């Protein structure tokens, strides 16, 4: 990484710049959970899917007792059949919270993720105040994310639970951009090659 760029550390938020035209990531807010020399892992936080959590869980013989219309979220293009739950641990109700600490991973203060069906079953019965079920995840190979940051594809912002669990996912990106002192309206709607305007 060039000397003028601070080392990238997780957890953090990645805010896609307008030149990122990939439909998976355009104007996305990515919760970067892990970043090492070998690669990076995160969840797209502002992509609700057309599939409801209840619909998914009924196929797993799990009863959903949360908000009936709550959508599952598209976490990224890697392993879209894999579910990951992000939740507020303090407000979750588990039969044995200590045991759950072994099957979940703290990814930010007060927030944990799990891919354990037993945890999902308990959370479905008594959902925490902040709950997201993600399908798939975003992954980068060795050095890939750093190269994307070097070409200004991403803004880096501190983790904010209000953005991760935003009621209006479409507004989450703009709010995140403003949080780092950038006016989203000042950004070009289409750029190419590291931010240079393009008429192609």
N, C-alpha and C. Protein backbone atom coordinates (compact mmCIF):
# COMPACT_ATOMS: atom_id res chain seq x y z
N UNK A 1 0.85 -1.19 0.00
CA UNK A 1 0.00 0.00 0.00
C UNK A 1 0.89 1.24 0.00
N UNK A 2 0.56 2.26 -0.80
CA UNK A 2 1.39 3.47 -0.83
C UNK A 2 1.50 4.11 0.54
N UNK A 3 2.58 4.83 0.75
CA UNK A 3 2.83 5.42 2.06
C UNK A 3 1.80 6.47 2.44
N UNK A 4 1.14 7.11 1.43
CA UNK A 4 0.18 8.15 1.75
C UNK A 4 -1.20 7.61 2.10
N UNK A 5 -1.36 6.29 2.05
CA UNK A 5 -2.63 5.68 2.45
C UNK A 5 -2.44 4.96 3.78
N UNK A 6 -3.35 5.24 4.72
CA UNK A 6 -3.28 4.56 6.01
C UNK A 6 -3.64 3.09 5.81
N UNK A 7 -3.06 2.21 6.62
CA UNK A 7 -3.42 0.79 6.52
C UNK A 7 -4.91 0.59 6.71
N UNK A 8 -5.48 -0.28 5.91
CA UNK A 8 -6.90 -0.58 6.02
C UNK A 8 -7.12 -1.56 7.16
N UNK A 9 -8.03 -1.20 8.06
CA UNK A 9 -8.32 -2.05 9.21
C UNK A 9 -9.82 -2.30 9.31
N UNK A 10 -10.17 -3.52 9.62
CA UNK A 10 -11.57 -3.87 9.85
C UNK A 10 -11.82 -3.95 11.35
N UNK A 11 -13.06 -3.68 11.79
CA UNK A 11 -14.23 -3.38 10.97
C UNK A 11 -14.26 -1.91 10.54
N UNK A 12 -14.85 -1.69 9.39
CA UNK A 12 -15.04 -0.35 8.87
C UNK A 12 -16.14 -0.40 7.83
N UNK A 13 -16.57 0.75 7.37
CA UNK A 13 -17.54 0.81 6.28
C UNK A 13 -16.85 1.23 5.00
N UNK A 14 -17.24 0.61 3.91
CA UNK A 14 -16.78 0.98 2.58
C UNK A 14 -17.97 1.56 1.83
N UNK A 15 -17.80 2.75 1.30
CA UNK A 15 -18.86 3.42 0.55
C UNK A 15 -18.44 3.50 -0.91
N UNK A 16 -19.19 2.84 -1.77
CA UNK A 16 -18.81 2.77 -3.18
C UNK A 16 -18.92 4.14 -3.83
N UNK A 17 -17.87 4.55 -4.53
CA UNK A 17 -17.89 5.79 -5.29
C UNK A 17 -18.72 5.58 -6.56
N UNK A 18 -19.22 6.68 -7.16
CA UNK A 18 -20.12 6.53 -8.30
C UNK A 18 -19.54 5.77 -9.49
N UNK A 19 -18.21 5.77 -9.64
CA UNK A 19 -17.64 5.06 -10.78
C UNK A 19 -17.76 3.54 -10.67
N UNK A 20 -18.12 3.05 -9.49
CA UNK A 20 -18.33 1.61 -9.33
C UNK A 20 -19.70 1.29 -9.92
N UNK A 21 -19.70 0.80 -11.14
CA UNK A 21 -20.94 0.56 -11.87
C UNK A 21 -21.43 -0.88 -11.77
N UNK A 22 -20.62 -1.75 -11.18
CA UNK A 22 -21.07 -3.13 -10.96
C UNK A 22 -22.40 -3.09 -10.23
N UNK A 23 -23.45 -3.71 -10.78
CA UNK A 23 -24.77 -3.62 -10.13
C UNK A 23 -24.80 -4.19 -8.71
N UNK A 24 -23.89 -5.08 -8.40
CA UNK A 24 -23.83 -5.61 -7.03
C UNK A 24 -23.38 -4.53 -6.05
N UNK A 25 -22.51 -3.63 -6.50
CA UNK A 25 -21.85 -2.71 -5.58
C UNK A 25 -22.16 -1.24 -5.83
N UNK A 26 -22.90 -0.92 -6.87
CA UNK A 26 -23.17 0.49 -7.16
C UNK A 26 -23.87 1.16 -5.98
N UNK A 27 -23.29 2.24 -5.49
CA UNK A 27 -23.80 2.99 -4.34
C UNK A 27 -24.07 2.08 -3.14
N UNK A 28 -23.18 1.16 -2.95
CA UNK A 28 -23.35 0.22 -1.83
C UNK A 28 -22.65 0.73 -0.57
N UNK A 29 -23.15 0.25 0.55
CA UNK A 29 -22.50 0.44 1.85
C UNK A 29 -22.08 -0.95 2.31
N UNK A 30 -20.79 -1.18 2.37
CA UNK A 30 -20.28 -2.51 2.72
C UNK A 30 -19.71 -2.47 4.13
N UNK A 31 -20.18 -3.39 4.94
CA UNK A 31 -19.63 -3.56 6.28
C UNK A 31 -18.45 -4.51 6.17
N UNK A 32 -17.24 -3.95 6.17
CA UNK A 32 -16.03 -4.76 6.05
C UNK A 32 -15.73 -5.37 7.41
N UNK A 33 -15.82 -6.68 7.47
CA UNK A 33 -15.70 -7.40 8.74
C UNK A 33 -14.29 -7.94 8.96
N UNK A 34 -13.65 -8.36 7.89
CA UNK A 34 -12.32 -8.94 8.02
C UNK A 34 -11.44 -8.47 6.87
N UNK A 35 -10.21 -8.09 7.20
CA UNK A 35 -9.24 -7.69 6.18
C UNK A 35 -7.87 -8.17 6.61
N UNK A 36 -7.28 -9.05 5.81
CA UNK A 36 -5.94 -9.57 6.08
C UNK A 36 -5.13 -9.52 4.78
N UNK A 37 -3.88 -9.91 4.87
CA UNK A 37 -3.04 -9.95 3.67
C UNK A 37 -3.58 -10.96 2.66
N UNK A 38 -4.33 -11.94 3.14
CA UNK A 38 -4.83 -12.99 2.24
C UNK A 38 -6.14 -12.62 1.55
N UNK A 39 -6.87 -11.64 2.06
CA UNK A 39 -8.12 -11.27 1.44
C UNK A 39 -9.03 -10.55 2.42
N UNK A 40 -10.24 -10.24 1.95
CA UNK A 40 -11.17 -9.44 2.74
C UNK A 40 -12.58 -10.01 2.62
N UNK A 41 -13.38 -9.73 3.65
CA UNK A 41 -14.74 -10.26 3.74
C UNK A 41 -15.65 -9.19 4.30
N UNK A 42 -16.85 -9.03 3.70
CA UNK A 42 -17.79 -8.06 4.21
C UNK A 42 -19.21 -8.37 3.75
N UNK A 43 -20.14 -7.53 4.19
CA UNK A 43 -21.55 -7.69 3.86
C UNK A 43 -22.08 -6.37 3.31
N UNK A 44 -22.77 -6.43 2.18
CA UNK A 44 -23.43 -5.24 1.65
C UNK A 44 -24.64 -4.95 2.53
N UNK A 45 -24.65 -3.79 3.15
CA UNK A 45 -25.66 -3.51 4.18
C UNK A 45 -26.94 -2.87 3.65
N UNK A 46 -26.93 -2.39 2.43
CA UNK A 46 -28.10 -1.62 1.96
C UNK A 46 -28.71 -2.18 0.67
N UNK A 47 -28.81 -3.51 0.60
CA UNK A 47 -29.41 -4.16 -0.56
C UNK A 47 -30.52 -5.12 -0.12
N UNK A 48 -31.71 -4.61 0.24
CA UNK A 48 -32.79 -5.53 0.57
C UNK A 48 -33.18 -6.35 -0.64
N UNK A 49 -33.46 -7.62 -0.43
CA UNK A 49 -33.85 -8.50 -1.52
C UNK A 49 -35.37 -8.54 -1.63
N UNK A 50 -35.86 -9.25 -2.62
CA UNK A 50 -37.30 -9.42 -2.79
C UNK A 50 -37.83 -10.60 -1.98
N UNK A 51 -36.95 -11.23 -1.23
CA UNK A 51 -37.34 -12.41 -0.45
C UNK A 51 -37.45 -12.02 1.02
N UNK A 52 -38.53 -12.40 1.66
CA UNK A 52 -38.71 -12.08 3.07
C UNK A 52 -38.01 -13.09 3.96
N UNK A 53 -37.62 -12.64 5.15
CA UNK A 53 -37.01 -13.54 6.12
C UNK A 53 -37.95 -14.69 6.45
N UNK A 54 -39.23 -14.38 6.64
CA UNK A 54 -40.21 -15.41 6.98
C UNK A 54 -40.29 -16.47 5.89
N UNK A 55 -40.23 -16.04 4.62
CA UNK A 55 -40.30 -16.98 3.50
C UNK A 55 -39.11 -17.93 3.50
N UNK A 56 -37.95 -17.40 3.79
CA UNK A 56 -36.74 -18.23 3.82
C UNK A 56 -36.82 -19.24 4.97
N UNK A 57 -37.22 -18.75 6.13
CA UNK A 57 -37.20 -19.61 7.32
C UNK A 57 -38.27 -20.68 7.29
N UNK A 58 -39.41 -20.39 6.65
CA UNK A 58 -40.45 -21.41 6.61
C UNK A 58 -39.96 -22.64 5.85
N UNK A 59 -39.08 -22.41 4.87
CA UNK A 59 -38.49 -23.53 4.15
C UNK A 59 -37.48 -24.31 4.96
N UNK A 60 -37.10 -23.75 6.11
CA UNK A 60 -36.17 -24.42 7.02
C UNK A 60 -36.89 -24.94 8.25
N UNK A 61 -38.22 -24.89 8.22
CA UNK A 61 -39.05 -25.29 9.37
C UNK A 61 -38.73 -24.48 10.61
N UNK A 62 -38.46 -23.18 10.40
CA UNK A 62 -38.22 -22.25 11.50
C UNK A 62 -39.31 -21.19 11.45
N UNK A 63 -39.95 -20.97 12.59
CA UNK A 63 -41.01 -19.97 12.64
C UNK A 63 -40.42 -18.59 12.93
N UNK A 64 -40.78 -17.64 12.08
CA UNK A 64 -40.31 -16.26 12.25
C UNK A 64 -41.35 -15.46 13.02
N UNK A 65 -40.95 -14.89 14.15
CA UNK A 65 -41.89 -14.14 14.99
C UNK A 65 -41.56 -12.65 15.01
N UNK A 66 -40.73 -12.23 14.09
CA UNK A 66 -40.41 -10.82 13.99
C UNK A 66 -41.36 -10.10 13.05
N UNK A 67 -40.92 -8.95 12.56
CA UNK A 67 -41.73 -8.17 11.63
C UNK A 67 -42.05 -9.00 10.39
N UNK A 68 -43.32 -9.21 10.07
CA UNK A 68 -43.69 -10.12 8.99
C UNK A 68 -43.10 -9.75 7.63
N UNK A 69 -42.96 -8.45 7.37
CA UNK A 69 -42.50 -8.02 6.04
C UNK A 69 -40.99 -7.80 5.96
N UNK A 70 -40.25 -8.13 7.03
CA UNK A 70 -38.80 -7.88 7.02
C UNK A 70 -38.13 -8.64 5.88
N UNK A 71 -37.38 -7.93 5.01
CA UNK A 71 -36.72 -8.62 3.91
C UNK A 71 -35.38 -9.21 4.33
N UNK A 72 -34.98 -10.24 3.63
CA UNK A 72 -33.59 -10.67 3.71
C UNK A 72 -32.77 -9.69 2.87
N UNK A 73 -31.49 -9.60 3.16
CA UNK A 73 -30.62 -8.66 2.45
C UNK A 73 -29.61 -9.42 1.60
N UNK A 74 -29.27 -8.81 0.46
CA UNK A 74 -28.24 -9.37 -0.42
C UNK A 74 -26.89 -8.96 0.14
N UNK A 75 -26.17 -9.92 0.71
CA UNK A 75 -24.90 -9.59 1.35
C UNK A 75 -23.74 -9.49 0.40
N UNK A 76 -23.88 -10.08 -0.79
CA UNK A 76 -22.81 -10.04 -1.77
C UNK A 76 -22.92 -11.21 -2.73
N UNK A 77 -22.13 -11.19 -3.79
CA UNK A 77 -22.26 -12.20 -4.84
C UNK A 77 -21.59 -13.54 -4.55
N UNK A 78 -20.84 -13.63 -3.47
CA UNK A 78 -20.15 -14.87 -3.14
C UNK A 78 -21.06 -15.77 -2.30
N UNK A 79 -21.20 -17.02 -2.71
CA UNK A 79 -22.02 -18.01 -2.00
C UNK A 79 -23.40 -17.44 -1.60
N UNK A 80 -24.22 -17.08 -2.59
CA UNK A 80 -25.53 -16.48 -2.28
C UNK A 80 -26.47 -17.41 -1.53
N UNK A 81 -26.14 -18.71 -1.50
CA UNK A 81 -26.98 -19.65 -0.74
C UNK A 81 -26.62 -19.67 0.74
N UNK A 82 -25.56 -18.98 1.12
CA UNK A 82 -25.10 -18.97 2.51
C UNK A 82 -25.73 -17.81 3.26
N UNK A 83 -26.36 -18.11 4.39
CA UNK A 83 -26.97 -17.08 5.21
C UNK A 83 -26.09 -16.66 6.37
N UNK A 84 -26.03 -15.36 6.62
CA UNK A 84 -25.30 -14.81 7.76
C UNK A 84 -26.22 -13.83 8.48
N UNK A 85 -26.31 -13.97 9.79
CA UNK A 85 -27.15 -13.08 10.59
C UNK A 85 -26.26 -12.09 11.33
N UNK A 86 -26.59 -10.83 11.21
CA UNK A 86 -25.97 -9.76 11.98
C UNK A 86 -27.00 -9.27 12.98
N UNK A 87 -26.63 -9.20 14.25
CA UNK A 87 -27.63 -8.84 15.25
C UNK A 87 -27.00 -8.13 16.44
N UNK A 88 -27.88 -7.44 17.15
CA UNK A 88 -27.51 -6.74 18.37
C UNK A 88 -27.58 -7.74 19.52
N UNK A 89 -26.43 -8.08 20.08
CA UNK A 89 -26.36 -9.14 21.08
C UNK A 89 -27.06 -8.76 22.38
N UNK A 90 -26.99 -7.49 22.77
CA UNK A 90 -27.54 -7.07 24.06
C UNK A 90 -29.05 -7.27 24.13
N UNK A 91 -29.74 -7.10 22.98
CA UNK A 91 -31.20 -7.20 22.99
C UNK A 91 -31.69 -8.58 22.57
N UNK A 92 -30.77 -9.49 22.27
CA UNK A 92 -31.16 -10.84 21.86
C UNK A 92 -31.49 -11.69 23.09
N UNK A 93 -32.40 -12.62 22.89
CA UNK A 93 -32.83 -13.51 23.96
C UNK A 93 -32.40 -14.95 23.64
N UNK A 94 -31.41 -15.45 24.36
CA UNK A 94 -30.92 -16.80 24.15
C UNK A 94 -31.11 -17.62 25.42
N UNK A 95 -31.34 -18.91 25.24
CA UNK A 95 -31.48 -19.80 26.40
C UNK A 95 -30.19 -19.85 27.20
N UNK A 96 -29.06 -19.85 26.49
CA UNK A 96 -27.75 -19.91 27.15
C UNK A 96 -26.82 -18.92 26.46
N UNK A 97 -26.83 -17.65 26.88
CA UNK A 97 -26.00 -16.63 26.22
C UNK A 97 -24.52 -16.99 26.17
N UNK A 98 -24.02 -17.67 27.21
CA UNK A 98 -22.60 -18.04 27.22
C UNK A 98 -22.28 -19.01 26.10
N UNK A 99 -23.17 -19.96 25.86
CA UNK A 99 -22.94 -20.93 24.79
C UNK A 99 -22.96 -20.24 23.43
N UNK A 100 -23.84 -19.27 23.28
CA UNK A 100 -23.96 -18.55 22.02
C UNK A 100 -22.67 -17.77 21.71
N UNK A 101 -21.97 -17.36 22.73
CA UNK A 101 -20.72 -16.65 22.50
C UNK A 101 -19.72 -17.53 21.77
N UNK A 102 -19.88 -18.86 21.86
CA UNK A 102 -18.97 -19.77 21.17
C UNK A 102 -19.35 -19.98 19.71
N UNK A 103 -20.62 -19.73 19.37
CA UNK A 103 -21.09 -19.97 18.00
C UNK A 103 -21.29 -18.68 17.22
N UNK A 104 -21.06 -17.54 17.87
CA UNK A 104 -21.17 -16.25 17.20
C UNK A 104 -19.82 -15.53 17.27
N UNK A 105 -19.68 -14.51 16.45
CA UNK A 105 -18.44 -13.74 16.41
C UNK A 105 -18.76 -12.26 16.58
N UNK A 106 -18.12 -11.62 17.54
CA UNK A 106 -18.31 -10.18 17.70
C UNK A 106 -17.55 -9.46 16.59
N UNK A 107 -18.26 -8.64 15.83
CA UNK A 107 -17.65 -7.94 14.70
C UNK A 107 -17.56 -6.44 14.92
N UNK A 108 -18.25 -5.96 15.93
CA UNK A 108 -18.18 -4.56 16.33
C UNK A 108 -18.81 -4.50 17.71
N UNK A 109 -18.57 -3.42 18.42
CA UNK A 109 -19.09 -3.31 19.79
C UNK A 109 -20.59 -3.57 19.82
N UNK A 110 -20.98 -4.64 20.48
CA UNK A 110 -22.39 -4.97 20.64
C UNK A 110 -23.01 -5.74 19.50
N UNK A 111 -22.28 -5.92 18.40
CA UNK A 111 -22.80 -6.61 17.23
C UNK A 111 -22.08 -7.93 17.00
N UNK A 112 -22.86 -8.95 16.68
CA UNK A 112 -22.29 -10.26 16.39
C UNK A 112 -22.88 -10.82 15.10
N UNK A 113 -22.16 -11.75 14.51
CA UNK A 113 -22.67 -12.48 13.36
C UNK A 113 -22.67 -13.96 13.69
N UNK A 114 -23.57 -14.69 13.01
CA UNK A 114 -23.61 -16.13 13.16
C UNK A 114 -24.11 -16.76 11.86
N UNK A 115 -23.66 -17.98 11.62
CA UNK A 115 -24.17 -18.80 10.52
C UNK A 115 -24.67 -20.13 11.08
N UNK A 116 -24.91 -20.15 12.39
CA UNK A 116 -25.31 -21.37 13.10
C UNK A 116 -26.83 -21.47 13.12
N UNK A 117 -27.38 -22.57 12.66
CA UNK A 117 -28.82 -22.71 12.55
C UNK A 117 -29.50 -22.68 13.92
N UNK A 118 -28.82 -23.15 14.95
CA UNK A 118 -29.38 -23.09 16.29
C UNK A 118 -29.55 -21.66 16.76
N UNK A 119 -28.57 -20.81 16.48
CA UNK A 119 -28.68 -19.40 16.83
C UNK A 119 -29.81 -18.75 16.04
N UNK A 120 -29.88 -19.07 14.75
CA UNK A 120 -30.93 -18.51 13.91
C UNK A 120 -32.32 -18.90 14.42
N UNK A 121 -32.47 -20.14 14.85
CA UNK A 121 -33.76 -20.60 15.37
C UNK A 121 -34.18 -19.80 16.60
N UNK A 122 -33.22 -19.57 17.50
CA UNK A 122 -33.54 -18.80 18.70
C UNK A 122 -33.82 -17.33 18.38
N UNK A 123 -33.06 -16.77 17.46
CA UNK A 123 -33.27 -15.38 17.08
C UNK A 123 -34.60 -15.20 16.36
N UNK A 124 -35.00 -16.19 15.58
CA UNK A 124 -36.28 -16.11 14.87
C UNK A 124 -37.45 -16.10 15.85
N UNK A 125 -37.29 -16.81 16.95
CA UNK A 125 -38.36 -16.86 17.94
C UNK A 125 -38.47 -15.59 18.76
N UNK A 126 -37.33 -14.95 19.01
CA UNK A 126 -37.30 -13.70 19.76
C UNK A 126 -36.24 -12.79 19.13
N UNK A 127 -36.57 -12.16 18.01
CA UNK A 127 -35.57 -11.36 17.29
C UNK A 127 -35.04 -10.22 18.14
N UNK A 128 -33.76 -9.94 17.99
CA UNK A 128 -33.16 -8.80 18.66
C UNK A 128 -33.69 -7.52 18.03
N UNK A 129 -33.46 -6.40 18.70
CA UNK A 129 -33.97 -5.13 18.19
C UNK A 129 -33.37 -4.79 16.83
N UNK A 130 -32.14 -5.18 16.62
CA UNK A 130 -31.50 -4.96 15.33
C UNK A 130 -31.07 -6.32 14.78
N UNK A 131 -31.65 -6.65 13.63
CA UNK A 131 -31.48 -7.99 13.07
C UNK A 131 -31.43 -7.88 11.55
N UNK A 132 -30.44 -8.53 10.95
CA UNK A 132 -30.37 -8.61 9.49
C UNK A 132 -29.96 -10.03 9.11
N UNK A 133 -30.69 -10.59 8.16
CA UNK A 133 -30.31 -11.86 7.57
C UNK A 133 -29.77 -11.57 6.17
N UNK A 134 -28.51 -11.89 5.95
CA UNK A 134 -27.85 -11.64 4.67
C UNK A 134 -27.69 -12.93 3.89
N UNK A 135 -27.91 -12.86 2.60
CA UNK A 135 -27.66 -13.98 1.70
C UNK A 135 -26.42 -13.67 0.87
N UNK A 136 -25.41 -14.51 1.00
CA UNK A 136 -24.15 -14.26 0.31
C UNK A 136 -23.30 -13.24 1.05
N UNK A 137 -22.12 -13.00 0.50
CA UNK A 137 -21.22 -12.01 1.09
C UNK A 137 -20.31 -11.44 0.01
N UNK A 138 -19.63 -10.37 0.36
CA UNK A 138 -18.66 -9.74 -0.54
C UNK A 138 -17.27 -10.21 -0.15
N UNK A 139 -16.52 -10.66 -1.13
CA UNK A 139 -15.18 -11.15 -0.86
C UNK A 139 -14.17 -10.60 -1.85
N UNK A 140 -12.95 -10.38 -1.38
CA UNK A 140 -11.86 -9.90 -2.20
C UNK A 140 -10.64 -10.80 -1.99
N UNK A 141 -9.93 -11.06 -3.05
CA UNK A 141 -8.72 -11.85 -2.95
C UNK A 141 -7.55 -11.03 -2.45
N UNK A 142 -6.41 -11.66 -2.38
CA UNK A 142 -5.20 -11.02 -1.86
C UNK A 142 -4.91 -9.72 -2.59
N UNK A 143 -4.87 -8.62 -1.86
CA UNK A 143 -4.51 -7.32 -2.41
C UNK A 143 -5.59 -6.65 -3.25
N UNK A 144 -6.68 -7.33 -3.54
CA UNK A 144 -7.68 -6.78 -4.46
C UNK A 144 -8.37 -5.54 -3.91
N UNK A 145 -8.81 -5.60 -2.67
CA UNK A 145 -9.52 -4.46 -2.10
C UNK A 145 -8.60 -3.24 -1.98
N UNK A 146 -7.37 -3.46 -1.60
CA UNK A 146 -6.42 -2.35 -1.47
C UNK A 146 -6.25 -1.67 -2.82
N UNK A 147 -6.15 -2.45 -3.88
CA UNK A 147 -6.02 -1.85 -5.22
C UNK A 147 -7.25 -1.04 -5.59
N UNK A 148 -8.43 -1.52 -5.22
CA UNK A 148 -9.66 -0.78 -5.52
C UNK A 148 -9.69 0.54 -4.74
N UNK A 149 -9.21 0.52 -3.51
CA UNK A 149 -9.17 1.76 -2.72
C UNK A 149 -8.15 2.72 -3.32
N UNK A 150 -7.04 2.20 -3.79
CA UNK A 150 -6.01 3.05 -4.39
C UNK A 150 -6.52 3.78 -5.64
N UNK A 151 -7.45 3.16 -6.34
CA UNK A 151 -8.00 3.83 -7.53
C UNK A 151 -9.29 4.59 -7.21
N UNK A 152 -9.51 4.82 -5.92
CA UNK A 152 -10.61 5.67 -5.44
C UNK A 152 -11.99 5.09 -5.70
N UNK A 153 -12.11 3.76 -5.67
CA UNK A 153 -13.42 3.14 -5.83
C UNK A 153 -14.23 3.20 -4.54
N UNK A 154 -13.55 3.38 -3.41
CA UNK A 154 -14.23 3.31 -2.11
C UNK A 154 -13.83 4.47 -1.21
N UNK A 155 -14.81 5.00 -0.49
CA UNK A 155 -14.55 5.86 0.64
C UNK A 155 -14.60 4.99 1.90
N UNK A 156 -13.79 5.32 2.87
CA UNK A 156 -13.76 4.57 4.13
C UNK A 156 -14.39 5.42 5.22
N UNK A 157 -15.31 4.81 5.97
CA UNK A 157 -16.02 5.53 7.03
C UNK A 157 -16.08 4.67 8.28
N UNK A 158 -16.19 5.29 9.44
CA UNK A 158 -16.34 4.52 10.68
C UNK A 158 -17.66 3.75 10.66
N UNK A 159 -17.68 2.63 11.37
CA UNK A 159 -18.90 1.83 11.47
C UNK A 159 -19.95 2.61 12.26
N UNK A 160 -21.14 2.67 11.69
CA UNK A 160 -22.27 3.29 12.37
C UNK A 160 -23.46 2.33 12.29
N UNK A 161 -23.97 1.94 13.44
CA UNK A 161 -25.09 1.01 13.43
C UNK A 161 -26.29 1.60 12.72
N UNK A 162 -26.45 2.92 12.76
CA UNK A 162 -27.58 3.55 12.09
C UNK A 162 -27.54 3.31 10.58
N UNK A 163 -26.35 3.17 10.03
CA UNK A 163 -26.24 2.88 8.60
C UNK A 163 -26.41 1.40 8.33
N UNK A 164 -25.88 0.57 9.21
CA UNK A 164 -26.00 -0.88 9.01
C UNK A 164 -27.46 -1.33 9.06
N UNK A 165 -28.24 -0.66 9.88
CA UNK A 165 -29.64 -1.05 10.06
C UNK A 165 -30.58 0.07 9.62
N UNK A 166 -30.19 0.80 8.61
CA UNK A 166 -30.97 1.95 8.16
C UNK A 166 -32.37 1.55 7.72
N UNK A 167 -33.36 2.35 8.14
CA UNK A 167 -34.73 2.10 7.71
C UNK A 167 -34.89 2.34 6.21
N UNK A 168 -34.14 3.30 5.69
CA UNK A 168 -34.17 3.61 4.26
C UNK A 168 -32.82 3.25 3.66
N UNK A 169 -32.68 2.02 3.15
CA UNK A 169 -31.39 1.59 2.62
C UNK A 169 -30.89 2.46 1.48
N UNK A 170 -31.79 3.05 0.70
CA UNK A 170 -31.37 3.90 -0.41
C UNK A 170 -30.68 5.17 0.09
N UNK A 171 -31.09 5.64 1.26
CA UNK A 171 -30.51 6.85 1.82
C UNK A 171 -29.22 6.55 2.59
N UNK A 172 -28.99 5.29 2.93
CA UNK A 172 -27.83 4.93 3.75
C UNK A 172 -26.52 5.34 3.08
N UNK A 173 -26.44 5.15 1.75
CA UNK A 173 -25.20 5.51 1.04
C UNK A 173 -24.93 7.00 1.15
N UNK A 174 -25.94 7.82 0.85
CA UNK A 174 -25.76 9.27 0.90
C UNK A 174 -25.41 9.73 2.31
N UNK A 175 -26.06 9.16 3.31
CA UNK A 175 -25.76 9.52 4.69
C UNK A 175 -24.34 9.14 5.06
N UNK A 176 -23.90 7.97 4.60
CA UNK A 176 -22.53 7.55 4.86
C UNK A 176 -21.51 8.47 4.22
N UNK A 177 -21.77 8.88 2.99
CA UNK A 177 -20.85 9.80 2.30
C UNK A 177 -20.77 11.13 3.03
N UNK A 178 -21.92 11.63 3.47
CA UNK A 178 -21.92 12.90 4.22
C UNK A 178 -21.17 12.76 5.54
N UNK A 179 -21.17 11.57 6.12
CA UNK A 179 -20.53 11.37 7.42
C UNK A 179 -19.02 11.55 7.36
N UNK A 180 -18.45 11.46 6.16
CA UNK A 180 -17.00 11.68 6.02
C UNK A 180 -16.71 13.03 5.36
N UNK A 181 -17.73 13.91 5.38
CA UNK A 181 -17.51 15.28 4.92
C UNK A 181 -17.61 15.48 3.43
N UNK A 182 -18.25 14.57 2.71
CA UNK A 182 -18.38 14.69 1.26
C UNK A 182 -19.86 14.89 0.92
N UNK A 183 -20.13 15.85 0.07
CA UNK A 183 -21.49 16.08 -0.40
C UNK A 183 -21.77 15.12 -1.55
N UNK A 184 -22.71 14.18 -1.37
CA UNK A 184 -22.96 13.21 -2.44
C UNK A 184 -23.40 13.86 -3.74
N UNK A 185 -24.03 15.03 -3.65
CA UNK A 185 -24.47 15.72 -4.86
C UNK A 185 -23.31 16.32 -5.64
N UNK A 186 -22.16 16.44 -4.98
CA UNK A 186 -20.99 17.01 -5.67
C UNK A 186 -20.22 15.95 -6.46
N UNK A 187 -20.57 14.68 -6.25
CA UNK A 187 -19.88 13.61 -6.96
C UNK A 187 -20.50 13.41 -8.33
N UNK A 188 -19.68 13.21 -9.36
CA UNK A 188 -20.23 12.96 -10.69
C UNK A 188 -21.03 11.68 -10.71
N UNK A 189 -22.06 11.64 -11.52
CA UNK A 189 -22.91 10.46 -11.56
C UNK A 189 -22.25 9.31 -12.31
N UNK A 190 -21.27 9.63 -13.13
CA UNK A 190 -20.56 8.58 -13.85
C UNK A 190 -19.14 9.01 -14.09
N UNK A 191 -18.19 8.27 -13.58
CA UNK A 191 -16.78 8.53 -13.83
C UNK A 191 -16.11 7.22 -14.19
N UNK A 192 -14.92 7.34 -14.69
CA UNK A 192 -14.19 6.15 -15.14
C UNK A 192 -12.72 6.37 -14.93
N UNK A 193 -11.99 5.29 -14.76
CA UNK A 193 -10.53 5.34 -14.65
C UNK A 193 -10.07 6.24 -13.51
N UNK A 194 -10.52 5.88 -12.31
CA UNK A 194 -10.02 6.57 -11.14
C UNK A 194 -10.57 7.96 -10.94
N UNK A 195 -11.74 8.24 -11.48
CA UNK A 195 -12.38 9.51 -11.19
C UNK A 195 -12.38 10.51 -12.33
N UNK A 196 -11.72 10.19 -13.44
CA UNK A 196 -11.74 11.12 -14.56
C UNK A 196 -13.08 11.06 -15.27
N UNK A 197 -13.66 12.23 -15.57
CA UNK A 197 -14.95 12.25 -16.25
C UNK A 197 -14.85 11.57 -17.60
N UNK A 198 -15.93 10.90 -17.97
CA UNK A 198 -15.94 10.17 -19.22
C UNK A 198 -17.23 10.44 -19.96
N UNK A 199 -17.16 10.61 -21.23
CA UNK A 199 -18.34 10.80 -22.06
C UNK A 199 -18.61 9.59 -22.93
N UNK A 200 -17.85 8.51 -22.68
CA UNK A 200 -18.04 7.29 -23.47
C UNK A 200 -19.37 6.65 -23.14
